[in-house]
Structures are given as structure tokens and as C-alpha cells.
């Protein structure tokens, strides 16, 4: 049976999600919701989406919507997610999952009280090359992991109204771009035992560039960098005692990678994937809902909470507090 999605938010990521779902045979975006009905109608009309709603409340009450994809700016995730869960809808919520760990825990606790599926839309976790890399690591293919390096930098016009520079919208490099290398480090090495972070501010007060070192009691390090000021390589390397895995640009999207093993040369893994890749998280989400699960074993809610705690610690060290947290 077709799995019907309702979208809360009509920005770029919702558009990409809807387009990529066209490549999934049993998924359909049934409805789009915005606080502005004209925007919802235009978004739906441009993408042949059947229903458009001028409020999130109307969308979550649609009895034919099987799940809600929350894709508002970060500060809206908490309210939209709780609203959908209250209406009995499972929720796939965009990353970063919330503004902070406190909001994250509120969302998780409410979903668990409702016995409803909830998952962070960290789409890279569900891509084929990430599945393959996790299998290699689980098999010990590169030995004991010594280090992880990952970066995510993009160049943006310095417009104070653009959401990545707007404190009111949870702007800055860390939450929007840095979430990718930080989540990647958690996938490979788990929760860090110590974090050291440094940052440079943008003209609006959010972070323009942030770097963090994650230290582990095993002796491993993760060195992570994110910036709004330049287009960085957006690559990742996992180095172990017996070899390394190098993931090409853009490491968190469908891409190529190579494995170099001590005394065994290099094995290339070419990119072999059609589309953006956002559909993979939707496919896993629907699988979990149909199986009666309330979280995904690939990205459990406990890990989402730990990632948010790491982001909180980085923000504490760099002094980044959002207006919604001061109220």
C-alpha cells in the first residue's frame, strides 16, 4: 500500500524530499501545509500534490496522512512535532532535531507516551554507501579507529534576513551544516568523552565558523569543521590501524569512496545511485511504522539525544545562545 506523507513547511528541503520520493514506488506526498495558504497551494500545484493546507493544524488532522515530515526552520520543530504527535501522526523531523537537548527530550518523551514512531531526518545515515561503511567498520576492516576527519562548508551571501544568518531562526554554521560531520563522528566513534570547540562569529552574532575536537578514552580523535564563509571540500576520512576509508565530496550525500588497507592496496567504490537520496530515510521510516516500531535501529532516539547534547556543549563553549532560549 502507498505510504502517504504530509509536509509541514514548504522550503527547499521539502521540495527536494517530495522530488526524491517520486523515485520510491510506494510513497506519495499527499498534502503540503504552510501558515500561508497561497504558499501551500503554489507548492502543491507545482508538484502535483493533491492537498494544500493553510495551517499545520489542518494538515495533521487529515485522516489520510500516514506520517508527517517536519521541515520548518529549526525553532519550529518542537511545536510542529508535538502537534503532529498529539494528532496521532508518526513524525520524521528534519535535522537538527531541535534547538537543544531539552527540546529533543520533550519530543522523544511525548512520542514514547503516545507510542508513535519518531525519527530524526539525518538522511545520510540511510544512504547505501553509509550502510556499506558501517558494515566495514563492524567487521573491523580497518582495525582500531584512530581518527575521524570531516568538514562541511558552504558559501552564502551575507544577508541578515537569510535563515542561516538569522538568530531567530536558529542560524549559524553549527546547527545547519555542522550537524553532518558531528553526526558522522557519532556514527563512527559514538559519544565523545571530551569536547573542545572554537568559533568565529558572523556579523549577526551566530557562528560563521566552528571547529571541534572530540576525544575518546580509547585515544581516538574526531576533528570536525563547519563554515558559512567558504566552500570547503566536504569530505570525510576514517583512519584505522590497518587502513582508512576516504569518502569523496559530498560525503553525506550519495558519492564515491575508497578503502585502503595495509599491504592490500586500494579498492574504489564508485557512486552508483540515482536521485538525491532523501527517499532512503522515508523508506526506513515507513518500514518501521509498518513493523510497529517507534524508532529506527539505524538512528535510535537515544543517539539523536546524545548528538544534541554534543551540539549543546559546543554551543556552551562558543557562547552561542538563541533568542528562544532566553525567554
C-alpha atoms as a PDB file:
ATOM      1  CA  UNK A   1       0.000   0.000   0.000  1.00  0.00           C
ATOM      2  CA  UNK A   2       1.135   3.545  -0.700  1.00  0.00           C
ATOM      3  CA  UNK A   3       2.502   5.452   2.284  1.00  0.00           C
ATOM      4  CA  UNK A   4       1.021   8.952   2.311  1.00  0.00           C
ATOM      5  CA  UNK A   5       3.091  11.877   3.576  1.00  0.00           C
ATOM      6  CA  UNK A   6       2.053  15.285   4.817  1.00  0.00           C
ATOM      7  CA  UNK A   7       4.710  18.005   4.669  1.00  0.00           C
ATOM      8  CA  UNK A   8       4.929  20.749   7.293  1.00  0.00           C
ATOM      9  CA  UNK A   9       6.970  23.509   5.693  1.00  0.00           C
ATOM     10  CA  UNK A  10       7.356  24.389   2.027  1.00  0.00           C
ATOM     11  CA  UNK A  11      11.032  25.334   1.780  1.00  0.00           C
ATOM     12  CA  UNK A  12      13.856  23.884  -0.253  1.00  0.00           C
ATOM     13  CA  UNK A  13      14.298  20.687   1.751  1.00  0.00           C
ATOM     14  CA  UNK A  14      10.578  19.858   1.458  1.00  0.00           C
ATOM     15  CA  UNK A  15      10.840  20.361  -2.289  1.00  0.00           C
ATOM     16  CA  UNK A  16      13.856  18.040  -2.501  1.00  0.00           C
ATOM     17  CA  UNK A  17      12.100  15.453  -0.319  1.00  0.00           C
ATOM     18  CA  UNK A  18       8.982  15.483  -2.498  1.00  0.00           C
ATOM     19  CA  UNK A  19      11.022  15.188  -5.697  1.00  0.00           C
ATOM     20  CA  UNK A  20      13.120  12.290  -4.436  1.00  0.00           C
ATOM     21  CA  UNK A  21      10.035  10.412  -3.236  1.00  0.00           C
ATOM     22  CA  UNK A  22       8.980  10.198  -6.874  1.00  0.00           C
ATOM     23  CA  UNK A  23      11.657   7.507  -7.188  1.00  0.00           C
ATOM     24  CA  UNK A  24      10.113   5.430  -4.373  1.00  0.00           C
ATOM     25  CA  UNK A  25       7.383   3.188  -5.723  1.00  0.00           C
ATOM     26  CA  UNK A  26       5.135   3.044  -2.649  1.00  0.00           C
ATOM     27  CA  UNK A  27       5.405   6.592  -1.303  1.00  0.00           C
ATOM     28  CA  UNK A  28       3.393   9.688  -2.135  1.00  0.00           C
ATOM     29  CA  UNK A  29       3.255  13.244  -0.831  1.00  0.00           C
ATOM     30  CA  UNK A  30      -0.457  13.674  -0.284  1.00  0.00           C
ATOM     31  CA  UNK A  31      -0.552  17.066   1.418  1.00  0.00           C
ATOM     32  CA  UNK A  32       1.534  20.181   1.996  1.00  0.00           C
ATOM     33  CA  UNK A  33       0.990  22.617   4.839  1.00  0.00           C
ATOM     34  CA  UNK A  34       2.109  26.194   5.380  1.00  0.00           C
ATOM     35  CA  UNK A  35       0.999  29.053   7.606  1.00  0.00           C
ATOM     36  CA  UNK A  36       0.247  30.840   4.325  1.00  0.00           C
ATOM     37  CA  UNK A  37      -2.396  29.082   2.222  1.00  0.00           C
ATOM     38  CA  UNK A  38      -1.220  30.717  -1.008  1.00  0.00           C
ATOM     39  CA  UNK A  39       2.284  29.315  -0.447  1.00  0.00           C
ATOM     40  CA  UNK A  40       0.875  25.874   0.298  1.00  0.00           C
ATOM     41  CA  UNK A  41      -1.256  25.954  -2.848  1.00  0.00           C
ATOM     42  CA  UNK A  42       1.641  27.059  -5.031  1.00  0.00           C
ATOM     43  CA  UNK A  43       3.966  24.425  -3.563  1.00  0.00           C
ATOM     44  CA  UNK A  44       1.338  21.709  -4.050  1.00  0.00           C
ATOM     45  CA  UNK A  45       0.383  22.880  -7.534  1.00  0.00           C
ATOM     46  CA  UNK A  46       3.968  22.968  -8.759  1.00  0.00           C
ATOM     47  CA  UNK A  47       4.482  19.353  -7.624  1.00  0.00           C
ATOM     48  CA  UNK A  48       1.091  17.772  -8.374  1.00  0.00           C
ATOM     49  CA  UNK A  49       0.388  17.347  -4.657  1.00  0.00           C
ATOM     50  CA  UNK A  50      -3.287  16.687  -4.103  1.00  0.00           C
ATOM     51  CA  UNK A  51      -3.987  18.726  -0.959  1.00  0.00           C
ATOM     52  CA  UNK A  52      -2.810  22.086   0.381  1.00  0.00           C
ATOM     53  CA  UNK A  53      -3.451  23.456   3.854  1.00  0.00           C
ATOM     54  CA  UNK A  54      -3.068  26.979   5.212  1.00  0.00           C
ATOM     55  CA  UNK A  55      -2.277  25.776   8.714  1.00  0.00           C
ATOM     56  CA  UNK A  56      -0.286  22.943  10.243  1.00  0.00           C
ATOM     57  CA  UNK A  57      -3.279  22.045  12.408  1.00  0.00           C
ATOM     58  CA  UNK A  58      -5.375  21.249   9.344  1.00  0.00           C
ATOM     59  CA  UNK A  59      -2.653  19.088   7.846  1.00  0.00           C
ATOM     60  CA  UNK A  60      -2.134  16.906  10.919  1.00  0.00           C
ATOM     61  CA  UNK A  61      -5.883  16.338  11.165  1.00  0.00           C
ATOM     62  CA  UNK A  62      -6.066  14.890   7.635  1.00  0.00           C
ATOM     63  CA  UNK A  63      -7.133  11.259   8.209  1.00  0.00           C
ATOM     64  CA  UNK A  64      -5.427  10.073   5.016  1.00  0.00           C
ATOM     65  CA  UNK A  65      -1.952  11.296   6.017  1.00  0.00           C
ATOM     66  CA  UNK A  66       0.082   8.353   7.319  1.00  0.00           C
ATOM     67  CA  UNK A  67       3.027  10.399   8.623  1.00  0.00           C
ATOM     68  CA  UNK A  68       4.221  13.969   8.879  1.00  0.00           C
ATOM     69  CA  UNK A  69       7.562  15.295   7.665  1.00  0.00           C
ATOM     70  CA  UNK A  70       8.535  18.378   9.704  1.00  0.00           C
ATOM     71  CA  UNK A  71      10.725  20.713   7.664  1.00  0.00           C
ATOM     72  CA  UNK A  72      10.255  24.125   9.229  1.00  0.00           C
ATOM     73  CA  UNK A  73      13.212  26.236  10.397  1.00  0.00           C
ATOM     74  CA  UNK A  74      14.823  24.679  13.490  1.00  0.00           C
ATOM     75  CA  UNK A  75      12.947  26.669  16.175  1.00  0.00           C
ATOM     76  CA  UNK A  76       9.640  25.365  14.792  1.00  0.00           C
ATOM     77  CA  UNK A  77      10.476  21.677  15.119  1.00  0.00           C
ATOM     78  CA  UNK A  78       9.302  21.276  18.709  1.00  0.00           C
ATOM     79  CA  UNK A  79       5.825  22.764  18.267  1.00  0.00           C
ATOM     80  CA  UNK A  80       5.163  21.126  14.884  1.00  0.00           C
ATOM     81  CA  UNK A  81       6.326  17.713  16.067  1.00  0.00           C
ATOM     82  CA  UNK A  82       4.258  17.799  19.261  1.00  0.00           C
ATOM     83  CA  UNK A  83       1.222  18.959  17.258  1.00  0.00           C
ATOM     84  CA  UNK A  84       1.522  16.067  14.817  1.00  0.00           C
ATOM     85  CA  UNK A  85       2.105  13.513  17.565  1.00  0.00           C
ATOM     86  CA  UNK A  86      -0.898  14.828  19.503  1.00  0.00           C
ATOM     87  CA  UNK A  87      -2.973  14.226  16.363  1.00  0.00           C
ATOM     88  CA  UNK A  88      -1.736  10.635  16.266  1.00  0.00           C
ATOM     89  CA  UNK A  89       0.710  11.049  13.372  1.00  0.00           C
ATOM     90  CA  UNK A  90       4.192   9.481  13.311  1.00  0.00           C
ATOM     91  CA  UNK A  91       6.844  12.146  12.674  1.00  0.00           C
ATOM     92  CA  UNK A  92      10.016  12.351  10.614  1.00  0.00           C
ATOM     93  CA  UNK A  93      11.656  15.572  11.854  1.00  0.00           C
ATOM     94  CA  UNK A  94      14.408  17.383   9.999  1.00  0.00           C
ATOM     95  CA  UNK A  95      17.850  17.812  11.466  1.00  0.00           C
ATOM     96  CA  UNK A  96      18.964  19.350  13.666  1.00  0.00           C
ATOM     97  CA  UNK A  97      16.203  17.617  15.567  1.00  0.00           C
ATOM     98  CA  UNK A  98      15.545  20.665  17.739  1.00  0.00           C
ATOM     99  CA  UNK A  99      17.304  23.758  19.044  1.00  0.00           C
ATOM    100  CA  UNK A 100      18.715  21.923  22.071  1.00  0.00           C
ATOM    101  CA  UNK A 101      18.701  18.667  24.004  1.00  0.00           C
ATOM    102  CA  UNK A 102      15.935  19.806  26.338  1.00  0.00           C
ATOM    103  CA  UNK A 103      13.535  20.263  23.417  1.00  0.00           C
ATOM    104  CA  UNK A 104      14.734  16.953  21.967  1.00  0.00           C
ATOM    105  CA  UNK A 105      13.931  15.097  25.170  1.00  0.00           C
ATOM    106  CA  UNK A 106      10.480  16.679  25.299  1.00  0.00           C
ATOM    107  CA  UNK A 107       9.767  15.460  21.773  1.00  0.00           C
ATOM    108  CA  UNK A 108      11.086  11.960  22.470  1.00  0.00           C
ATOM    109  CA  UNK A 109       9.197  11.592  25.743  1.00  0.00           C
ATOM    110  CA  UNK A 110       5.936  12.716  24.140  1.00  0.00           C
ATOM    111  CA  UNK A 111       6.316  10.335  21.194  1.00  0.00           C
ATOM    112  CA  UNK A 112       7.025   7.457  23.558  1.00  0.00           C
ATOM    113  CA  UNK A 113       3.998   8.324  25.689  1.00  0.00           C
ATOM    114  CA  UNK A 114       1.897   8.206  22.514  1.00  0.00           C
ATOM    115  CA  UNK A 115       3.649   5.018  21.298  1.00  0.00           C
ATOM    116  CA  UNK A 116       4.269   6.698  17.937  1.00  0.00           C
ATOM    117  CA  UNK A 117       7.203   6.498  15.538  1.00  0.00           C
ATOM    118  CA  UNK A 118       9.608   9.427  15.709  1.00  0.00           C
ATOM    119  CA  UNK A 119      12.887   9.761  13.816  1.00  0.00           C
ATOM    120  CA  UNK A 120      15.472  12.401  13.021  1.00  0.00           C
ATOM    121  CA  UNK A 121      15.726  13.062   9.287  1.00  0.00           C
ATOM    122  CA  UNK A 122      19.509  12.712   9.160  1.00  0.00           C
ATOM    123  CA  UNK A 123      19.175  11.347   5.648  1.00  0.00           C
ATOM    124  CA  UNK A 124      22.848  10.478   5.154  1.00  0.00           C
ATOM    125  CA  UNK A 125      22.615   7.683   7.740  1.00  0.00           C
ATOM    126  CA  UNK A 126      20.311   5.746   5.428  1.00  0.00           C
ATOM    127  CA  UNK A 127      22.286   6.004   2.184  1.00  0.00           C
ATOM    128  CA  UNK A 128      23.805   2.852   0.620  1.00  0.00           C
ATOM    129  CA  UNK A 129      27.433   3.965   0.997  1.00  0.00           C
ATOM    130  CA  UNK A 130      26.885   4.674   4.702  1.00  0.00           C
ATOM    131  CA  UNK A 131      25.394   1.198   5.175  1.00  0.00           C
ATOM    132  CA  UNK A 132      28.472  -0.259   3.473  1.00  0.00           C
ATOM    133  CA  UNK A 133      30.877   1.796   5.584  1.00  0.00           C
ATOM    134  CA  UNK A 134      29.154   0.769   8.822  1.00  0.00           C
ATOM    135  CA  UNK A 135      29.473  -2.872   7.748  1.00  0.00           C
ATOM    136  CA  UNK A 136      33.194  -2.420   7.081  1.00  0.00           C
ATOM    137  CA  UNK A 137      33.707  -0.844  10.486  1.00  0.00           C
ATOM    138  CA  UNK A 138      31.673  -3.529  12.252  1.00  0.00           C
ATOM    139  CA  UNK A 139      33.832  -6.185  10.593  1.00  0.00           C
ATOM    140  CA  UNK A 140      36.999  -4.439  11.796  1.00  0.00           C
ATOM    141  CA  UNK A 141      38.224  -3.999   8.220  1.00  0.00           C
ATOM    142  CA  UNK A 142      40.472  -1.029   9.023  1.00  0.00           C
ATOM    143  CA  UNK A 143      41.446  -2.127  12.516  1.00  0.00           C
ATOM    144  CA  UNK A 144      41.128   0.076  15.591  1.00  0.00           C
ATOM    145  CA  UNK A 145      39.855   3.526  14.665  1.00  0.00           C
ATOM    146  CA  UNK A 146      42.403   6.233  15.380  1.00  0.00           C
ATOM    147  CA  UNK A 147      40.799   9.320  13.900  1.00  0.00           C
ATOM    148  CA  UNK A 148      37.849  10.786  12.025  1.00  0.00           C
ATOM    149  CA  UNK A 149      38.083  13.953   9.949  1.00  0.00           C
ATOM    150  CA  UNK A 150      35.051  15.589   8.356  1.00  0.00           C
ATOM    151  CA  UNK A 151      34.061  19.056   7.200  1.00  0.00           C
ATOM    152  CA  UNK A 152      31.074  20.860   5.777  1.00  0.00           C
ATOM    153  CA  UNK A 153      31.437  24.365   4.445  1.00  0.00           C
ATOM    154  CA  UNK A 154      29.347  26.372   2.016  1.00  0.00           C
ATOM    155  CA  UNK A 155      29.482  29.976   0.886  1.00  0.00           C
ATOM    156  CA  UNK A 156      26.403  32.121   1.462  1.00  0.00           C
ATOM    157  CA  UNK A 157      25.705  35.754   0.666  1.00  0.00           C
ATOM    158  CA  UNK A 158      25.838  37.642   3.951  1.00  0.00           C
ATOM    159  CA  UNK A 159      22.184  38.623   4.105  1.00  0.00           C
ATOM    160  CA  UNK A 160      20.841  39.217   7.647  1.00  0.00           C
ATOM    161  CA  UNK A 161      17.384  38.057   6.517  1.00  0.00           C
ATOM    162  CA  UNK A 162      18.693  34.703   5.250  1.00  0.00           C
ATOM    163  CA  UNK A 163      17.854  31.994   7.798  1.00  0.00           C
ATOM    164  CA  UNK A 164      21.450  30.771   8.219  1.00  0.00           C
ATOM    165  CA  UNK A 165      22.443  34.220   9.487  1.00  0.00           C
ATOM    166  CA  UNK A 166      19.254  34.864  11.484  1.00  0.00           C
ATOM    167  CA  UNK A 167      19.494  34.101  15.242  1.00  0.00           C
ATOM    168  CA  UNK A 168      15.679  33.996  15.494  1.00  0.00           C
ATOM    169  CA  UNK A 169      15.672  31.043  13.063  1.00  0.00           C
ATOM    170  CA  UNK A 170      18.471  29.111  14.762  1.00  0.00           C
ATOM    171  CA  UNK A 171      21.034  30.288  12.235  1.00  0.00           C
ATOM    172  CA  UNK A 172      24.756  29.643  12.113  1.00  0.00           C
ATOM    173  CA  UNK A 173      27.074  27.057  10.648  1.00  0.00           C
ATOM    174  CA  UNK A 174      26.896  24.586  13.528  1.00  0.00           C
ATOM    175  CA  UNK A 175      23.261  23.506  13.558  1.00  0.00           C
ATOM    176  CA  UNK A 176      22.641  23.667   9.826  1.00  0.00           C
ATOM    177  CA  UNK A 177      25.936  22.412   8.345  1.00  0.00           C
ATOM    178  CA  UNK A 178      27.993  21.172  11.278  1.00  0.00           C
ATOM    179  CA  UNK A 179      25.332  18.641  12.180  1.00  0.00           C
ATOM    180  CA  UNK A 180      26.590  16.475   9.291  1.00  0.00           C
ATOM    181  CA  UNK A 181      30.213  15.954  10.391  1.00  0.00           C
ATOM    182  CA  UNK A 182      29.131  15.796  14.040  1.00  0.00           C
ATOM    183  CA  UNK A 183      26.518  13.116  13.377  1.00  0.00           C
ATOM    184  CA  UNK A 184      29.069  11.266  11.248  1.00  0.00           C
ATOM    185  CA  UNK A 185      31.581  11.227  14.110  1.00  0.00           C
ATOM    186  CA  UNK A 186      28.910   9.862  16.444  1.00  0.00           C
ATOM    187  CA  UNK A 187      28.085   7.137  13.920  1.00  0.00           C
ATOM    188  CA  UNK A 188      31.727   6.044  13.725  1.00  0.00           C
ATOM    189  CA  UNK A 189      33.014   6.576  17.267  1.00  0.00           C
ATOM    190  CA  UNK A 190      29.961   7.140  19.440  1.00  0.00           C
ATOM    191  CA  UNK A 191      29.583   9.687  22.235  1.00  0.00           C
ATOM    192  CA  UNK A 192      32.775  11.677  22.842  1.00  0.00           C
ATOM    193  CA  UNK A 193      34.304  11.694  26.308  1.00  0.00           C
ATOM    194  CA  UNK A 194      35.608  15.253  25.911  1.00  0.00           C
ATOM    195  CA  UNK A 195      34.827  18.097  23.510  1.00  0.00           C
ATOM    196  CA  UNK A 196      36.906  21.166  22.712  1.00  0.00           C
ATOM    197  CA  UNK A 197      35.341  23.789  20.448  1.00  0.00           C
ATOM    198  CA  UNK A 198      36.367  27.122  18.953  1.00  0.00           C
ATOM    199  CA  UNK A 199      34.356  29.503  16.785  1.00  0.00           C
ATOM    200  CA  UNK A 200      34.308  32.767  14.849  1.00  0.00           C
ATOM    201  CA  UNK A 201      31.116  34.821  14.820  1.00  0.00           C
ATOM    202  CA  UNK A 202      29.164  36.084  11.838  1.00  0.00           C
ATOM    203  CA  UNK A 203      28.038  39.715  11.658  1.00  0.00           C
ATOM    204  CA  UNK A 204      24.636  38.745  13.133  1.00  0.00           C
ATOM    205  CA  UNK A 205      26.129  37.004  16.163  1.00  0.00           C
ATOM    206  CA  UNK A 206      25.599  33.397  15.085  1.00  0.00           C
ATOM    207  CA  UNK A 207      28.638  31.218  14.405  1.00  0.00           C
ATOM    208  CA  UNK A 208      30.217  31.734  10.988  1.00  0.00           C
ATOM    209  CA  UNK A 209      32.817  29.020  11.504  1.00  0.00           C
ATOM    210  CA  UNK A 210      33.130  26.390  14.207  1.00  0.00           C
ATOM    211  CA  UNK A 211      35.668  23.643  14.760  1.00  0.00           C
ATOM    212  CA  UNK A 212      35.518  20.881  17.360  1.00  0.00           C
ATOM    213  CA  UNK A 213      37.784  18.102  18.545  1.00  0.00           C
ATOM    214  CA  UNK A 214      36.061  15.066  20.011  1.00  0.00           C
ATOM    215  CA  UNK A 215      38.300  12.999  22.269  1.00  0.00           C
ATOM    216  CA  UNK A 216      37.613   9.408  23.287  1.00  0.00           C
ATOM    217  CA  UNK A 217      39.027   7.355  26.130  1.00  0.00           C
ATOM    218  CA  UNK A 218      40.246   4.880  23.506  1.00  0.00           C
ATOM    219  CA  UNK A 219      42.660   7.579  22.337  1.00  0.00           C
ATOM    220  CA  UNK A 220      40.731   8.285  19.134  1.00  0.00           C
ATOM    221  CA  UNK A 221      40.049  11.835  17.959  1.00  0.00           C
ATOM    222  CA  UNK A 222      37.441  13.316  15.647  1.00  0.00           C
ATOM    223  CA  UNK A 223      38.392  16.658  14.057  1.00  0.00           C
ATOM    224  CA  UNK A 224      35.331  18.438  12.696  1.00  0.00           C
ATOM    225  CA  UNK A 225      34.924  21.794  10.949  1.00  0.00           C
ATOM    226  CA  UNK A 226      31.999  23.748   9.560  1.00  0.00           C
ATOM    227  CA  UNK A 227      31.743  27.192   7.980  1.00  0.00           C
ATOM    228  CA  UNK A 228      29.375  29.580   6.219  1.00  0.00           C
ATOM    229  CA  UNK A 229      32.269  31.564   4.767  1.00  0.00           C
ATOM    230  CA  UNK A 230      33.665  29.246   2.082  1.00  0.00           C
ATOM    231  CA  UNK A 231      33.009  26.096   0.083  1.00  0.00           C
ATOM    232  CA  UNK A 232      35.153  23.507   1.842  1.00  0.00           C
ATOM    233  CA  UNK A 233      35.959  20.021   0.462  1.00  0.00           C
ATOM    234  CA  UNK A 234      33.003  18.384   2.297  1.00  0.00           C
ATOM    235  CA  UNK A 235      34.893  15.105   2.571  1.00  0.00           C
ATOM    236  CA  UNK A 236      35.445  12.611   5.386  1.00  0.00           C
ATOM    237  CA  UNK A 237      38.224  10.205   6.339  1.00  0.00           C
ATOM    238  CA  UNK A 238      38.163   7.379   8.870  1.00  0.00           C
ATOM    239  CA  UNK A 239      41.677   6.217   9.748  1.00  0.00           C
ATOM    240  CA  UNK A 240      42.393   2.938  11.486  1.00  0.00           C
ATOM    241  CA  UNK A 241      45.448   0.899  12.459  1.00  0.00           C
ATOM    242  CA  UNK A 242      45.012  -1.344   9.381  1.00  0.00           C
ATOM    243  CA  UNK A 243      43.778   1.132   6.787  1.00  0.00           C
ATOM    244  CA  UNK A 244      41.485   4.039   6.026  1.00  0.00           C
ATOM    245  CA  UNK A 245      38.183   4.888   4.380  1.00  0.00           C
ATOM    246  CA  UNK A 246      38.100   8.096   2.334  1.00  0.00           C
ATOM    247  CA  UNK A 247      34.686   9.451   1.358  1.00  0.00           C
ATOM    248  CA  UNK A 248      34.643  11.890  -1.538  1.00  0.00           C
ATOM    249  CA  UNK A 249      32.698  15.134  -1.909  1.00  0.00           C
ATOM    250  CA  UNK A 250      29.949  15.388  -0.757  1.00  0.00           C
ATOM    251  CA  UNK A 251      30.494  12.783   1.977  1.00  0.00           C
ATOM    252  CA  UNK A 252      26.987  12.956   3.465  1.00  0.00           C
ATOM    253  CA  UNK A 253      25.262  12.589   0.060  1.00  0.00           C
ATOM    254  CA  UNK A 254      25.441   9.734  -2.456  1.00  0.00           C
ATOM    255  CA  UNK A 255      29.085   9.670  -3.520  1.00  0.00           C
ATOM    256  CA  UNK A 256      32.150   7.507  -4.131  1.00  0.00           C
ATOM    257  CA  UNK A 257      34.630   6.267  -1.554  1.00  0.00           C
ATOM    258  CA  UNK A 258      37.749   4.140  -1.351  1.00  0.00           C
ATOM    259  CA  UNK A 259      39.227   1.708   1.126  1.00  0.00           C
ATOM    260  CA  UNK A 260      42.994   1.499   1.548  1.00  0.00           C
ATOM    261  CA  UNK A 261      44.258  -1.478   3.547  1.00  0.00           C
ATOM    262  CA  UNK A 262      47.747  -2.149   4.839  1.00  0.00           C
ATOM    263  CA  UNK A 263      49.518  -4.366   2.315  1.00  0.00           C
ATOM    264  CA  UNK A 264      46.395  -4.836   0.182  1.00  0.00           C
ATOM    265  CA  UNK A 265      46.191  -1.689  -1.942  1.00  0.00           C
ATOM    266  CA  UNK A 266      43.156   0.419  -2.713  1.00  0.00           C
ATOM    267  CA  UNK A 267      39.593  -0.651  -3.523  1.00  0.00           C
ATOM    268  CA  UNK A 268      37.466   2.012  -5.238  1.00  0.00           C
ATOM    269  CA  UNK A 269      33.699   2.182  -4.704  1.00  0.00           C
ATOM    270  CA  UNK A 270      32.146   4.350  -7.411  1.00  0.00           C
ATOM    271  CA  UNK A 271      28.959   6.297  -6.963  1.00  0.00           C
ATOM    272  CA  UNK A 272      26.077   4.233  -8.282  1.00  0.00           C
ATOM    273  CA  UNK A 273      22.895   5.964  -7.203  1.00  0.00           C
ATOM    274  CA  UNK A 274      20.028   7.819  -8.857  1.00  0.00           C
ATOM    275  CA  UNK A 275      18.448  10.815  -7.217  1.00  0.00           C
ATOM    276  CA  UNK A 276      19.091  12.969  -4.186  1.00  0.00           C
ATOM    277  CA  UNK A 277      18.873  10.237  -1.546  1.00  0.00           C
ATOM    278  CA  UNK A 278      16.228  11.703   0.760  1.00  0.00           C
ATOM    279  CA  UNK A 279      13.862   8.866  -0.074  1.00  0.00           C
ATOM    280  CA  UNK A 280      16.019   6.380   1.847  1.00  0.00           C
ATOM    281  CA  UNK A 281      15.073   7.892   5.206  1.00  0.00           C
ATOM    282  CA  UNK A 282      11.405   7.832   4.168  1.00  0.00           C
ATOM    283  CA  UNK A 283      11.646   4.166   3.169  1.00  0.00           C
ATOM    284  CA  UNK A 284      13.210   3.241   6.523  1.00  0.00           C
ATOM    285  CA  UNK A 285      10.662   5.345   8.388  1.00  0.00           C
ATOM    286  CA  UNK A 286       7.713   3.650   6.666  1.00  0.00           C
ATOM    287  CA  UNK A 287       9.285   0.224   7.271  1.00  0.00           C
ATOM    288  CA  UNK A 288       9.429   0.991  10.990  1.00  0.00           C
ATOM    289  CA  UNK A 289       5.841   2.273  11.100  1.00  0.00           C
ATOM    290  CA  UNK A 290       4.560  -0.818   9.308  1.00  0.00           C
ATOM    291  CA  UNK A 291       6.552  -3.032  11.665  1.00  0.00           C
ATOM    292  CA  UNK A 292       5.022  -1.341  14.698  1.00  0.00           C
ATOM    293  CA  UNK A 293       8.312   0.245  15.792  1.00  0.00           C
ATOM    294  CA  UNK A 294       8.572   3.618  17.496  1.00  0.00           C
ATOM    295  CA  UNK A 295      12.190   4.322  16.472  1.00  0.00           C
ATOM    296  CA  UNK A 296      14.686   3.179  13.874  1.00  0.00           C
ATOM    297  CA  UNK A 297      17.538   0.836  14.845  1.00  0.00           C
ATOM    298  CA  UNK A 298      19.712   2.689  12.308  1.00  0.00           C
ATOM    299  CA  UNK A 299      19.342   6.006  14.155  1.00  0.00           C
ATOM    300  CA  UNK A 300      17.691   5.389  17.544  1.00  0.00           C
ATOM    301  CA  UNK A 301      16.273   8.279  19.519  1.00  0.00           C
ATOM    302  CA  UNK A 302      18.873   7.813  22.241  1.00  0.00           C
ATOM    303  CA  UNK A 303      21.573   8.647  19.698  1.00  0.00           C
ATOM    304  CA  UNK A 304      19.692  11.683  18.430  1.00  0.00           C
ATOM    305  CA  UNK A 305      19.567  12.953  22.017  1.00  0.00           C
ATOM    306  CA  UNK A 306      23.314  12.357  22.520  1.00  0.00           C
ATOM    307  CA  UNK A 307      24.093  14.255  19.308  1.00  0.00           C
ATOM    308  CA  UNK A 308      22.009  17.188  20.523  1.00  0.00           C
ATOM    309  CA  UNK A 309      23.868  17.101  23.842  1.00  0.00           C
ATOM    310  CA  UNK A 310      27.152  17.354  21.928  1.00  0.00           C
ATOM    311  CA  UNK A 311      25.800  20.334  19.980  1.00  0.00           C
ATOM    312  CA  UNK A 312      24.726  21.932  23.268  1.00  0.00           C
ATOM    313  CA  UNK A 313      28.230  21.506  24.703  1.00  0.00           C
ATOM    314  CA  UNK A 314      29.818  23.044  21.618  1.00  0.00           C
ATOM    315  CA  UNK A 315      27.420  25.992  21.809  1.00  0.00           C
ATOM    316  CA  UNK A 316      28.170  26.402  25.526  1.00  0.00           C
ATOM    317  CA  UNK A 317      31.868  26.632  24.776  1.00  0.00           C
ATOM    318  CA  UNK A 318      31.477  29.102  21.912  1.00  0.00           C
ATOM    319  CA  UNK A 319      28.820  31.181  23.678  1.00  0.00           C
ATOM    320  CA  UNK A 320      26.027  30.709  21.161  1.00  0.00           C
ATOM    321  CA  UNK A 321      22.589  31.191  22.722  1.00  0.00           C
ATOM    322  CA  UNK A 322      19.445  31.632  20.638  1.00  0.00           C
ATOM    323  CA  UNK A 323      16.693  34.165  21.435  1.00  0.00           C
ATOM    324  CA  UNK A 324      14.122  31.408  22.063  1.00  0.00           C
ATOM    325  CA  UNK A 325      16.359  30.032  24.814  1.00  0.00           C
ATOM    326  CA  UNK A 326      16.426  33.347  26.676  1.00  0.00           C
ATOM    327  CA  UNK A 327      12.646  33.511  27.068  1.00  0.00           C
END
